[in-house]
Amino acid sequence: MTLQKLEPQLLALTPNEKAQAIQILAQSLDNSWRGIEKIPGVCGGDACITGTRIPVWVLINARRLGISEAQLLKDYPTLSATDLTNAWVYATVYPEEIETAIQENEED
């Protein structure tokens, strides 16, 4: 099947089904995340934006608190819009990991 034939079917999915499809596709990439890295000893080994010490969970939590993407880019001048997109996709694929990190860090 080609992407051209698949596109109408993907667009017809419900938002929940699209999120599930993203999870399936992202997991099939064998954890090769462009723009996201996990390094033992850096930020507790949490997923971070590549080349920074900015954990994905921090960005997700900020977003939940109502901080806009524009404000995040202002607050973290080393980040790009692509970095935020990578973080949102990563969090969609690994929601339990992100939720656990948020909970663990809120306890501190």
PDB file of N, CA and C in Angstrom:
ATOM      1  N   MET A   1       0.842  -1.180   0.000  1.00  0.00           N
ATOM      2  CA  MET A   1       0.000   0.000   0.000  1.00  0.00           C
ATOM      3  C   MET A   1       0.886   1.242   0.000  1.00  0.00           C
ATOM      4  N   THR A   2       0.523   2.219  -0.781  1.00  0.00           N
ATOM      5  CA  THR A   2       1.282   3.462  -0.847  1.00  0.00           C
ATOM      6  C   THR A   2       0.676   4.490   0.099  1.00  0.00           C
ATOM      7  N   LEU A   3       1.465   5.512   0.411  1.00  0.00           N
ATOM      8  CA  LEU A   3       0.960   6.585   1.272  1.00  0.00           C
ATOM      9  C   LEU A   3      -0.206   7.315   0.621  1.00  0.00           C
ATOM     10  N   GLN A   4      -0.180   7.447  -0.700  1.00  0.00           N
ATOM     11  CA  GLN A   4      -1.279   8.117  -1.392  1.00  0.00           C
ATOM     12  C   GLN A   4      -2.596   7.388  -1.167  1.00  0.00           C
ATOM     13  N   LYS A   5      -2.559   6.065  -1.194  1.00  0.00           N
ATOM     14  CA  LYS A   5      -3.774   5.282  -0.978  1.00  0.00           C
ATOM     15  C   LYS A   5      -4.167   5.259   0.494  1.00  0.00           C
ATOM     16  N   LEU A   6      -3.168   5.327   1.357  1.00  0.00           N
ATOM     17  CA  LEU A   6      -3.416   5.255   2.794  1.00  0.00           C
ATOM     18  C   LEU A   6      -3.910   6.581   3.382  1.00  0.00           C
ATOM     19  N   GLU A   7      -3.509   7.692   2.798  1.00  0.00           N
ATOM     20  CA  GLU A   7      -3.835   9.009   3.349  1.00  0.00           C
ATOM     21  C   GLU A   7      -5.318   9.228   3.605  1.00  0.00           C
ATOM     22  N   PRO A   8      -6.229   8.946   2.672  1.00  0.00           N
ATOM     23  CA  PRO A   8      -7.650   9.171   2.953  1.00  0.00           C
ATOM     24  C   PRO A   8      -8.155   8.344   4.142  1.00  0.00           C
ATOM     25  N   GLN A   9      -7.636   7.144   4.278  1.00  0.00           N
ATOM     26  CA  GLN A   9      -8.051   6.307   5.402  1.00  0.00           C
ATOM     27  C   GLN A   9      -7.545   6.877   6.721  1.00  0.00           C
ATOM     28  N   LEU A  10      -6.306   7.372   6.722  1.00  0.00           N
ATOM     29  CA  LEU A  10      -5.760   7.967   7.937  1.00  0.00           C
ATOM     30  C   LEU A  10      -6.539   9.215   8.343  1.00  0.00           C
ATOM     31  N   LEU A  11      -6.874  10.029   7.368  1.00  0.00           N
ATOM     32  CA  LEU A  11      -7.607  11.265   7.652  1.00  0.00           C
ATOM     33  C   LEU A  11      -9.032  10.992   8.134  1.00  0.00           C
ATOM     34  N   ALA A  12      -9.561   9.833   7.803  1.00  0.00           N
ATOM     35  CA  ALA A  12     -10.918   9.479   8.216  1.00  0.00           C
ATOM     36  C   ALA A  12     -10.983   8.937   9.644  1.00  0.00           C
ATOM     37  N   LEU A  13      -9.832   8.664  10.244  1.00  0.00           N
ATOM     38  CA  LEU A  13      -9.815   8.137  11.607  1.00  0.00           C
ATOM     39  C   LEU A  13     -10.300   9.181  12.610  1.00  0.00           C
ATOM     40  N   THR A  14     -10.833   8.713  13.723  1.00  0.00           N
ATOM     41  CA  THR A  14     -11.204   9.613  14.811  1.00  0.00           C
ATOM     42  C   THR A  14      -9.918  10.137  15.459  1.00  0.00           C
ATOM     43  N   PRO A  15      -9.993  11.213  16.230  1.00  0.00           N
ATOM     44  CA  PRO A  15      -8.793  11.704  16.908  1.00  0.00           C
ATOM     45  C   PRO A  15      -8.133  10.624  17.779  1.00  0.00           C
ATOM     46  N   ASN A  16      -8.928   9.832  18.475  1.00  0.00           N
ATOM     47  CA  ASN A  16      -8.366   8.781  19.311  1.00  0.00           C
ATOM     48  C   ASN A  16      -7.656   7.727  18.462  1.00  0.00           C
ATOM     49  N   GLU A  17      -8.258   7.358  17.357  1.00  0.00           N
ATOM     50  CA  GLU A  17      -7.640   6.380  16.460  1.00  0.00           C
ATOM     51  C   GLU A  17      -6.349   6.930  15.847  1.00  0.00           C
ATOM     52  N   LYS A  18      -6.337   8.226  15.541  1.00  0.00           N
ATOM     53  CA  LYS A  18      -5.122   8.847  15.008  1.00  0.00           C
ATOM     54  C   LYS A  18      -4.001   8.791  16.045  1.00  0.00           C
ATOM     55  N   ALA A  19      -4.331   9.070  17.301  1.00  0.00           N
ATOM     56  CA  ALA A  19      -3.329   8.996  18.367  1.00  0.00           C
ATOM     57  C   ALA A  19      -2.790   7.580  18.501  1.00  0.00           C
ATOM     58  N   GLN A  20      -3.670   6.589  18.401  1.00  0.00           N
ATOM     59  CA  GLN A  20      -3.230   5.198  18.474  1.00  0.00           C
ATOM     60  C   GLN A  20      -2.336   4.858  17.286  1.00  0.00           C
ATOM     61  N   ALA A  21      -2.683   5.351  16.107  1.00  0.00           N
ATOM     62  CA  ALA A  21      -1.868   5.099  14.915  1.00  0.00           C
ATOM     63  C   ALA A  21      -0.482   5.726  15.075  1.00  0.00           C
ATOM     64  N   ILE A  22      -0.431   6.925  15.644  1.00  0.00           N
ATOM     65  CA  ILE A  22       0.854   7.578  15.887  1.00  0.00           C
ATOM     66  C   ILE A  22       1.688   6.735  16.838  1.00  0.00           C
ATOM     67  N   GLN A  23       1.062   6.226  17.895  1.00  0.00           N
ATOM     68  CA  GLN A  23       1.783   5.373  18.839  1.00  0.00           C
ATOM     69  C   GLN A  23       2.365   4.146  18.149  1.00  0.00           C
ATOM     70  N   ILE A  24       1.563   3.485  17.358  1.00  0.00           N
ATOM     71  CA  ILE A  24       2.012   2.275  16.658  1.00  0.00           C
ATOM     72  C   ILE A  24       3.185   2.598  15.736  1.00  0.00           C
ATOM     73  N   LEU A  25       3.046   3.663  14.955  1.00  0.00           N
ATOM     74  CA  LEU A  25       4.103   4.021  14.013  1.00  0.00           C
ATOM     75  C   LEU A  25       5.385   4.447  14.730  1.00  0.00           C
ATOM     76  N   ALA A  26       5.246   5.238  15.753  1.00  0.00           N
ATOM     77  CA  ALA A  26       6.423   5.716  16.472  1.00  0.00           C
ATOM     78  C   ALA A  26       7.153   4.571  17.163  1.00  0.00           C
ATOM     79  N   GLN A  27       6.415   3.658  17.750  1.00  0.00           N
ATOM     80  CA  GLN A  27       7.051   2.524  18.405  1.00  0.00           C
ATOM     81  C   GLN A  27       7.752   1.624  17.399  1.00  0.00           C
ATOM     82  N   SER A  28       7.258   1.594  16.175  1.00  0.00           N
ATOM     83  CA  SER A  28       7.883   0.763  15.152  1.00  0.00           C
ATOM     84  C   SER A  28       9.208   1.340  14.665  1.00  0.00           C
ATOM     85  N   LEU A  29       9.506   2.579  15.032  1.00  0.00           N
ATOM     86  CA  LEU A  29      10.768   3.197  14.627  1.00  0.00           C
ATOM     87  C   LEU A  29      11.934   2.741  15.488  1.00  0.00           C
ATOM     88  N   ASP A  30      11.678   1.813  16.409  1.00  0.00           N
ATOM     89  CA  ASP A  30      12.731   1.238  17.245  1.00  0.00           C
ATOM     90  C   ASP A  30      13.394   2.298  18.129  1.00  0.00           C
ATOM     91  N   ASN A  31      12.569   3.185  18.660  1.00  0.00           N
ATOM     92  CA  ASN A  31      13.034   4.218  19.589  1.00  0.00           C
ATOM     93  C   ASN A  31      14.089   5.141  19.006  1.00  0.00           C
ATOM     94  N   SER A  32      14.148   5.275  17.717  1.00  0.00           N
ATOM     95  CA  SER A  32      15.062   6.213  17.069  1.00  0.00           C
ATOM     96  C   SER A  32      14.366   7.563  17.000  1.00  0.00           C
ATOM     97  N   TRP A  33      14.430   8.305  18.047  1.00  0.00           N
ATOM     98  CA  TRP A  33      13.703   9.565  18.139  1.00  0.00           C
ATOM     99  C   TRP A  33      14.561  10.715  17.684  1.00  0.00           C
ATOM    100  N   ARG A  34      14.154  11.338  16.636  1.00  0.00           N
ATOM    101  CA  ARG A  34      14.852  12.537  16.182  1.00  0.00           C
ATOM    102  C   ARG A  34      14.511  13.666  17.154  1.00  0.00           C
ATOM    103  N   GLY A  35      15.549  14.238  17.721  1.00  0.00           N
ATOM    104  CA  GLY A  35      15.345  15.392  18.584  1.00  0.00           C
ATOM    105  C   GLY A  35      15.097  15.075  20.045  1.00  0.00           C
ATOM    106  N   ILE A  36      14.997  13.796  20.403  1.00  0.00           N
ATOM    107  CA  ILE A  36      14.782  13.401  21.796  1.00  0.00           C
ATOM    108  C   ILE A  36      15.869  12.392  22.151  1.00  0.00           C
ATOM    109  N   GLU A  37      16.466  12.551  23.323  1.00  0.00           N
ATOM    110  CA  GLU A  37      17.487  11.603  23.758  1.00  0.00           C
ATOM    111  C   GLU A  37      17.341  11.290  25.240  1.00  0.00           C
ATOM    112  N   LYS A  38      17.773  10.097  25.590  1.00  0.00           N
ATOM    113  CA  LYS A  38      17.810   9.669  26.984  1.00  0.00           C
ATOM    114  C   LYS A  38      19.249   9.262  27.271  1.00  0.00           C
ATOM    115  N   ILE A  39      19.885   9.980  28.190  1.00  0.00           N
ATOM    116  CA  ILE A  39      21.278   9.709  28.521  1.00  0.00           C
ATOM    117  C   ILE A  39      21.357   9.399  30.016  1.00  0.00           C
ATOM    118  N   PRO A  40      21.850   8.210  30.370  1.00  0.00           N
ATOM    119  CA  PRO A  40      21.996   7.883  31.782  1.00  0.00           C
ATOM    120  C   PRO A  40      22.824   8.962  32.487  1.00  0.00           C
ATOM    121  N   GLY A  41      22.353   9.388  33.639  1.00  0.00           N
ATOM    122  CA  GLY A  41      23.064  10.399  34.415  1.00  0.00           C
ATOM    123  C   GLY A  41      22.736  11.836  34.045  1.00  0.00           C
ATOM    124  N   VAL A  42      21.980  12.044  32.979  1.00  0.00           N
ATOM    125  CA  VAL A  42      21.563  13.395  32.593  1.00  0.00           C
ATOM    126  C   VAL A  42      20.068  13.509  32.861  1.00  0.00           C
ATOM    127  N   CYS A  43      19.694  14.421  33.724  1.00  0.00           N
ATOM    128  CA  CYS A  43      18.284  14.627  34.090  1.00  0.00           C
ATOM    129  C   CYS A  43      17.627  13.321  34.528  1.00  0.00           C
ATOM    130  N   GLY A  44      18.366  12.547  35.279  1.00  0.00           N
ATOM    131  CA  GLY A  44      17.812  11.292  35.800  1.00  0.00           C
ATOM    132  C   GLY A  44      17.518  10.261  34.718  1.00  0.00           C
ATOM    133  N   GLY A  45      18.099  10.441  33.534  1.00  0.00           N
ATOM    134  CA  GLY A  45      17.845   9.515  32.441  1.00  0.00           C
ATOM    135  C   GLY A  45      16.527   9.761  31.729  1.00  0.00           C
ATOM    136  N   ASP A  46      15.830  10.848  32.103  1.00  0.00           N
ATOM    137  CA  ASP A  46      14.552  11.171  31.461  1.00  0.00           C
ATOM    138  C   ASP A  46      14.783  11.603  30.010  1.00  0.00           C
ATOM    139  N   ALA A  47      13.756  11.440  29.194  1.00  0.00           N
ATOM    140  CA  ALA A  47      13.802  11.886  27.797  1.00  0.00           C
ATOM    141  C   ALA A  47      13.932  13.405  27.782  1.00  0.00           C
ATOM    142  N   CYS A  48      14.929  13.893  27.062  1.00  0.00           N
ATOM    143  CA  CYS A  48      15.190  15.334  26.959  1.00  0.00           C
ATOM    144  C   CYS A  48      15.272  15.740  25.499  1.00  0.00           C
ATOM    145  N   ILE A  49      15.113  17.036  25.275  1.00  0.00           N
ATOM    146  CA  ILE A  49      15.351  17.586  23.954  1.00  0.00           C
ATOM    147  C   ILE A  49      16.847  17.413  23.673  1.00  0.00           C
ATOM    148  N   THR A  50      17.188  16.875  22.517  1.00  0.00           N
ATOM    149  CA  THR A  50      18.578  16.597  22.167  1.00  0.00           C
ATOM    150  C   THR A  50      19.456  17.828  22.352  1.00  0.00           C
ATOM    151  N   GLY A  51      20.598  17.600  23.017  1.00  0.00           N
ATOM    152  CA  GLY A  51      21.575  18.658  23.217  1.00  0.00           C
ATOM    153  C   GLY A  51      21.235  19.628  24.330  1.00  0.00           C
ATOM    154  N   THR A  52      20.194  19.317  25.094  1.00  0.00           N
ATOM    155  CA  THR A  52      19.795  20.186  26.210  1.00  0.00           C
ATOM    156  C   THR A  52      19.600  19.345  27.465  1.00  0.00           C
ATOM    157  N   ARG A  53      19.291  20.022  28.528  1.00  0.00           N
ATOM    158  CA  ARG A  53      18.884  19.356  29.762  1.00  0.00           C
ATOM    159  C   ARG A  53      17.423  19.708  30.052  1.00  0.00           C
ATOM    160  N   ILE A  54      16.650  19.804  28.998  1.00  0.00           N
ATOM    161  CA  ILE A  54      15.232  20.136  29.123  1.00  0.00           C
ATOM    162  C   ILE A  54      14.431  18.851  28.929  1.00  0.00           C
ATOM    163  N   PRO A  55      13.904  18.294  30.029  1.00  0.00           N
ATOM    164  CA  PRO A  55      13.135  17.057  29.925  1.00  0.00           C
ATOM    165  C   PRO A  55      11.787  17.278  29.234  1.00  0.00           C
ATOM    166  N   VAL A  56      11.380  16.265  28.497  1.00  0.00           N
ATOM    167  CA  VAL A  56      10.084  16.310  27.827  1.00  0.00           C
ATOM    168  C   VAL A  56       8.979  16.516  28.851  1.00  0.00           C
ATOM    169  N   TRP A  57       9.078  15.867  30.000  1.00  0.00           N
ATOM    170  CA  TRP A  57       8.003  15.957  30.990  1.00  0.00           C
ATOM    171  C   TRP A  57       7.814  17.398  31.468  1.00  0.00           C
ATOM    172  N   VAL A  58       8.893  18.178  31.529  1.00  0.00           N
ATOM    173  CA  VAL A  58       8.787  19.583  31.960  1.00  0.00           C
ATOM    174  C   VAL A  58       7.925  20.363  30.960  1.00  0.00           C
ATOM    175  N   LEU A  59       8.166  20.126  29.678  1.00  0.00           N
ATOM    176  CA  LEU A  59       7.398  20.818  28.644  1.00  0.00           C
ATOM    177  C   LEU A  59       5.936  20.393  28.652  1.00  0.00           C
ATOM    178  N   ILE A  60       5.700  19.103  28.840  1.00  0.00           N
ATOM    179  CA  ILE A  60       4.327  18.595  28.896  1.00  0.00           C
ATOM    180  C   ILE A  60       3.603  19.175  30.099  1.00  0.00           C
ATOM    181  N   ASN A  61       4.254  19.196  31.229  1.00  0.00           N
ATOM    182  CA  ASN A  61       3.632  19.735  32.434  1.00  0.00           C
ATOM    183  C   ASN A  61       3.342  21.228  32.276  1.00  0.00           C
ATOM    184  N   ALA A  62       4.269  21.951  31.673  1.00  0.00           N
ATOM    185  CA  ALA A  62       4.048  23.382  31.435  1.00  0.00           C
ATOM    186  C   ALA A  62       2.841  23.596  30.530  1.00  0.00           C
ATOM    187  N   ARG A  63       2.747  22.772  29.510  1.00  0.00           N
ATOM    188  CA  ARG A  63       1.611  22.870  28.586  1.00  0.00           C
ATOM    189  C   ARG A  63       0.302  22.616  29.328  1.00  0.00           C
ATOM    190  N   ARG A  64       0.297  21.626  30.208  1.00  0.00           N
ATOM    191  CA  ARG A  64      -0.906  21.322  31.000  1.00  0.00           C
ATOM    192  C   ARG A  64      -1.290  22.482  31.901  1.00  0.00           C
ATOM    193  N   LEU A  65      -0.302  23.228  32.345  1.00  0.00           N
ATOM    194  CA  LEU A  65      -0.555  24.368  33.224  1.00  0.00           C
ATOM    195  C   LEU A  65      -1.002  25.607  32.444  1.00  0.00           C
ATOM    196  N   GLY A  66      -1.117  25.450  31.123  1.00  0.00           N
ATOM    197  CA  GLY A  66      -1.632  26.547  30.304  1.00  0.00           C
ATOM    198  C   GLY A  66      -0.585  27.436  29.671  1.00  0.00           C
ATOM    199  N   ILE A  67       0.673  27.047  29.761  1.00  0.00           N
ATOM    200  CA  ILE A  67       1.723  27.848  29.145  1.00  0.00           C
ATOM    201  C   ILE A  67       1.718  27.574  27.641  1.00  0.00           C
ATOM    202  N   SER A  68       1.667  28.619  26.868  1.00  0.00           N
ATOM    203  CA  SER A  68       1.581  28.485  25.408  1.00  0.00           C
ATOM    204  C   SER A  68       2.921  28.078  24.813  1.00  0.00           C
ATOM    205  N   GLU A  69       2.858  27.594  23.578  1.00  0.00           N
ATOM    206  CA  GLU A  69       4.087  27.256  22.873  1.00  0.00           C
ATOM    207  C   GLU A  69       4.951  28.503  22.687  1.00  0.00           C
ATOM    208  N   ALA A  70       4.320  29.613  22.389  1.00  0.00           N
ATOM    209  CA  ALA A  70       5.066  30.859  22.211  1.00  0.00           C
ATOM    210  C   ALA A  70       5.820  31.229  23.490  1.00  0.00           C
ATOM    211  N   GLN A  71       5.172  31.053  24.625  1.00  0.00           N
ATOM    212  CA  GLN A  71       5.822  31.370  25.895  1.00  0.00           C
ATOM    213  C   GLN A  71       6.947  30.388  26.189  1.00  0.00           C
ATOM    214  N   LEU A  72       6.733  29.103  25.883  1.00  0.00           N
ATOM    215  CA  LEU A  72       7.795  28.113  26.083  1.00  0.00           C
ATOM    216  C   LEU A  72       9.020  28.453  25.238  1.00  0.00           C
ATOM    217  N   LEU A  73       8.789  28.861  23.994  1.00  0.00           N
ATOM    218  CA  LEU A  73       9.909  29.233  23.133  1.00  0.00           C
ATOM    219  C   LEU A  73      10.629  30.477  23.653  1.00  0.00           C
ATOM    220  N   LYS A  74       9.879  31.356  24.290  1.00  0.00           N
ATOM    221  CA  LYS A  74      10.493  32.548  24.888  1.00  0.00           C
ATOM    222  C   LYS A  74      11.264  32.163  26.158  1.00  0.00           C
ATOM    223  N   ASP A  75      10.661  31.292  26.971  1.00  0.00           N
ATOM    224  CA  ASP A  75      11.296  30.873  28.219  1.00  0.00           C
ATOM    225  C   ASP A  75      12.530  30.003  28.000  1.00  0.00           C
ATOM    226  N   TYR A  76      12.522  29.245  26.914  1.00  0.00           N
ATOM    227  CA  TYR A  76      13.634  28.349  26.573  1.00  0.00           C
ATOM    228  C   TYR A  76      14.155  28.741  25.186  1.00  0.00           C
ATOM    229  N   PRO A  77      14.970  29.776  25.109  1.00  0.00           N
ATOM    230  CA  PRO A  77      15.391  30.308  23.804  1.00  0.00           C
ATOM    231  C   PRO A  77      16.196  29.328  22.945  1.00  0.00           C
ATOM    232  N   THR A  78      16.721  28.273  23.541  1.00  0.00           N
ATOM    233  CA  THR A  78      17.460  27.287  22.741  1.00  0.00           C
ATOM    234  C   THR A  78      16.527  26.315  22.032  1.00  0.00           C
ATOM    235  N   LEU A  79      15.237  26.331  22.387  1.00  0.00           N
ATOM    236  CA  LEU A  79      14.272  25.423  21.758  1.00  0.00           C
ATOM    237  C   LEU A  79      13.724  26.005  20.468  1.00  0.00           C
ATOM    238  N   SER A  80      13.337  25.098  19.578  1.00  0.00           N
ATOM    239  CA  SER A  80      12.665  25.492  18.342  1.00  0.00           C
ATOM    240  C   SER A  80      11.252  24.914  18.358  1.00  0.00           C
ATOM    241  N   ALA A  81      10.441  25.367  17.436  1.00  0.00           N
ATOM    242  CA  ALA A  81       9.087  24.818  17.306  1.00  0.00           C
ATOM    243  C   ALA A  81       9.157  23.324  17.002  1.00  0.00           C
ATOM    244  N   THR A  82      10.155  22.908  16.243  1.00  0.00           N
ATOM    245  CA  THR A  82      10.336  21.484  15.939  1.00  0.00           C
ATOM    246  C   THR A  82      10.625  20.700  17.209  1.00  0.00           C
ATOM    247  N   ASP A  83      11.421  21.269  18.104  1.00  0.00           N
ATOM    248  CA  ASP A  83      11.693  20.602  19.386  1.00  0.00           C
ATOM    249  C   ASP A  83      10.403  20.357  20.152  1.00  0.00           C
ATOM    250  N   LEU A  84       9.526  21.349  20.166  1.00  0.00           N
ATOM    251  CA  LEU A  84       8.250  21.189  20.866  1.00  0.00           C
ATOM    252  C   LEU A  84       7.401  20.111  20.203  1.00  0.00           C
ATOM    253  N   THR A  85       7.363  20.114  18.889  1.00  0.00           N
ATOM    254  CA  THR A  85       6.602  19.084  18.169  1.00  0.00           C
ATOM    255  C   THR A  85       7.140  17.707  18.505  1.00  0.00           C
ATOM    256  N   ASN A  86       8.459  17.559  18.511  1.00  0.00           N
ATOM    257  CA  ASN A  86       9.062  16.272  18.871  1.00  0.00           C
ATOM    258  C   ASN A  86       8.661  15.860  20.286  1.00  0.00           C
ATOM    259  N   ALA A  87       8.635  16.811  21.198  1.00  0.00           N
ATOM    260  CA  ALA A  87       8.241  16.514  22.577  1.00  0.00           C
ATOM    261  C   ALA A  87       6.786  16.075  22.652  1.00  0.00           C
ATOM    262  N   TRP A  88       5.899  16.758  21.926  1.00  0.00           N
ATOM    263  CA  TRP A  88       4.469  16.412  21.967  1.00  0.00           C
ATOM    264  C   TRP A  88       4.253  15.003  21.410  1.00  0.00           C
ATOM    265  N   VAL A  89       4.938  14.679  20.323  1.00  0.00           N
ATOM    266  CA  VAL A  89       4.784  13.350  19.731  1.00  0.00           C
ATOM    267  C   VAL A  89       5.338  12.286  20.672  1.00  0.00           C
ATOM    268  N   TYR A  90       6.495  12.541  21.245  1.00  0.00           N
ATOM    269  CA  TYR A  90       7.094  11.577  22.179  1.00  0.00           C
ATOM    270  C   TYR A  90       6.135  11.314  23.332  1.00  0.00           C
ATOM    271  N   ALA A  91       5.572  12.368  23.882  1.00  0.00           N
ATOM    272  CA  ALA A  91       4.647  12.221  25.010  1.00  0.00           C
ATOM    273  C   ALA A  91       3.379  11.480  24.614  1.00  0.00           C
ATOM    274  N   THR A  92       2.950  11.623  23.378  1.00  0.00           N
ATOM    275  CA  THR A  92       1.776  10.900  22.891  1.00  0.00           C
ATOM    276  C   THR A  92       2.062   9.406  22.809  1.00  0.00           C
ATOM    277  N   VAL A  93       3.281   9.071  22.430  1.00  0.00           N
ATOM    278  CA  VAL A  93       3.652   7.666  22.277  1.00  0.00           C
ATOM    279  C   VAL A  93       3.970   7.016  23.625  1.00  0.00           C
ATOM    280  N   TYR A  94       4.530   7.774  24.548  1.00  0.00           N
ATOM    281  CA  TYR A  94       4.921   7.229  25.849  1.00  0.00           C
ATOM    282  C   TYR A  94       4.244   7.981  27.000  1.00  0.00           C
ATOM    283  N   PRO A  95       2.920   7.986  27.040  1.00  0.00           N
ATOM    284  CA  PRO A  95       2.227   8.767  28.067  1.00  0.00           C
ATOM    285  C   PRO A  95       2.511   8.287  29.488  1.00  0.00           C
ATOM    286  N   GLU A  96       2.663   6.987  29.676  1.00  0.00           N
ATOM    287  CA  GLU A  96       2.913   6.475  31.026  1.00  0.00           C
ATOM    288  C   GLU A  96       4.273   6.939  31.536  1.00  0.00           C
ATOM    289  N   GLU A  97       5.273   6.931  30.661  1.00  0.00           N
ATOM    290  CA  GLU A  97       6.617   7.386  31.044  1.00  0.00           C
ATOM    291  C   GLU A  97       6.584   8.847  31.476  1.00  0.00           C
ATOM    292  N   ILE A  98       5.904   9.669  30.705  1.00  0.00           N
ATOM    293  CA  ILE A  98       5.830  11.097  31.006  1.00  0.00           C
ATOM    294  C   ILE A  98       5.041  11.332  32.290  1.00  0.00           C
ATOM    295  N   GLU A  99       3.931  10.629  32.442  1.00  0.00           N
ATOM    296  CA  GLU A  99       3.107  10.781  33.649  1.00  0.00           C
ATOM    297  C   GLU A  99       3.893  10.398  34.899  1.00  0.00           C
ATOM    298  N   THR A 100       4.637   9.299  34.816  1.00  0.00           N
ATOM    299  CA  THR A 100       5.458   8.856  35.945  1.00  0.00           C
ATOM    300  C   THR A 100       6.510   9.897  36.286  1.00  0.00           C
ATOM    301  N   ALA A 101       7.167  10.450  35.283  1.00  0.00           N
ATOM    302  CA  ALA A 101       8.196  11.467  35.516  1.00  0.00           C
ATOM    303  C   ALA A 101       7.592  12.712  36.166  1.00  0.00           C
ATOM    304  N   ILE A 102       6.435  13.120  35.708  1.00  0.00           N
ATOM    305  CA  ILE A 102       5.780  14.296  36.308  1.00  0.00           C
ATOM    306  C   ILE A 102       5.463  14.017  37.772  1.00  0.00           C
ATOM    307  N   GLN A 103       4.864  12.875  38.039  1.00  0.00           N
ATOM    308  CA  GLN A 103       4.496  12.526  39.407  1.00  0.00           C
ATOM    309  C   GLN A 103       5.726  12.436  40.308  1.00  0.00           C
ATOM    310  N   GLU A 104       6.789  11.790  39.841  1.00  0.00           N
ATOM    311  CA  GLU A 104       8.008  11.657  40.633  1.00  0.00           C
ATOM    312  C   GLU A 104       8.641  13.015  40.938  1.00  0.00           C
ATOM    313  N   ASN A 105       8.588  13.904  39.994  1.00  0.00           N
ATOM    314  CA  ASN A 105       9.218  15.212  40.186  1.00  0.00           C
ATOM    315  C   ASN A 105       8.345  16.188  40.944  1.00  0.00           C
ATOM    316  N   GLU A 106       7.048  15.967  40.985  1.00  0.00           N
ATOM    317  CA  GLU A 106       6.172  16.796  41.799  1.00  0.00           C
ATOM    318  C   GLU A 106       6.327  16.459  43.271  1.00  0.00           C
ATOM    319  N   GLU A 107       6.757  15.243  43.568  1.00  0.00           N
ATOM    320  CA  GLU A 107       6.956  14.816  44.955  1.00  0.00           C
ATOM    321  C   GLU A 107       8.178  15.463  45.573  1.00  0.00           C
ATOM    322  N   ASP A 108       9.156  15.841  44.722  1.00  0.00           N
ATOM    323  CA  ASP A 108      10.407  16.425  45.242  1.00  0.00           C
ATOM    324  C   ASP A 108      10.222  17.809  45.791  1.00  0.00           C
TER     325      ASP A 108
END
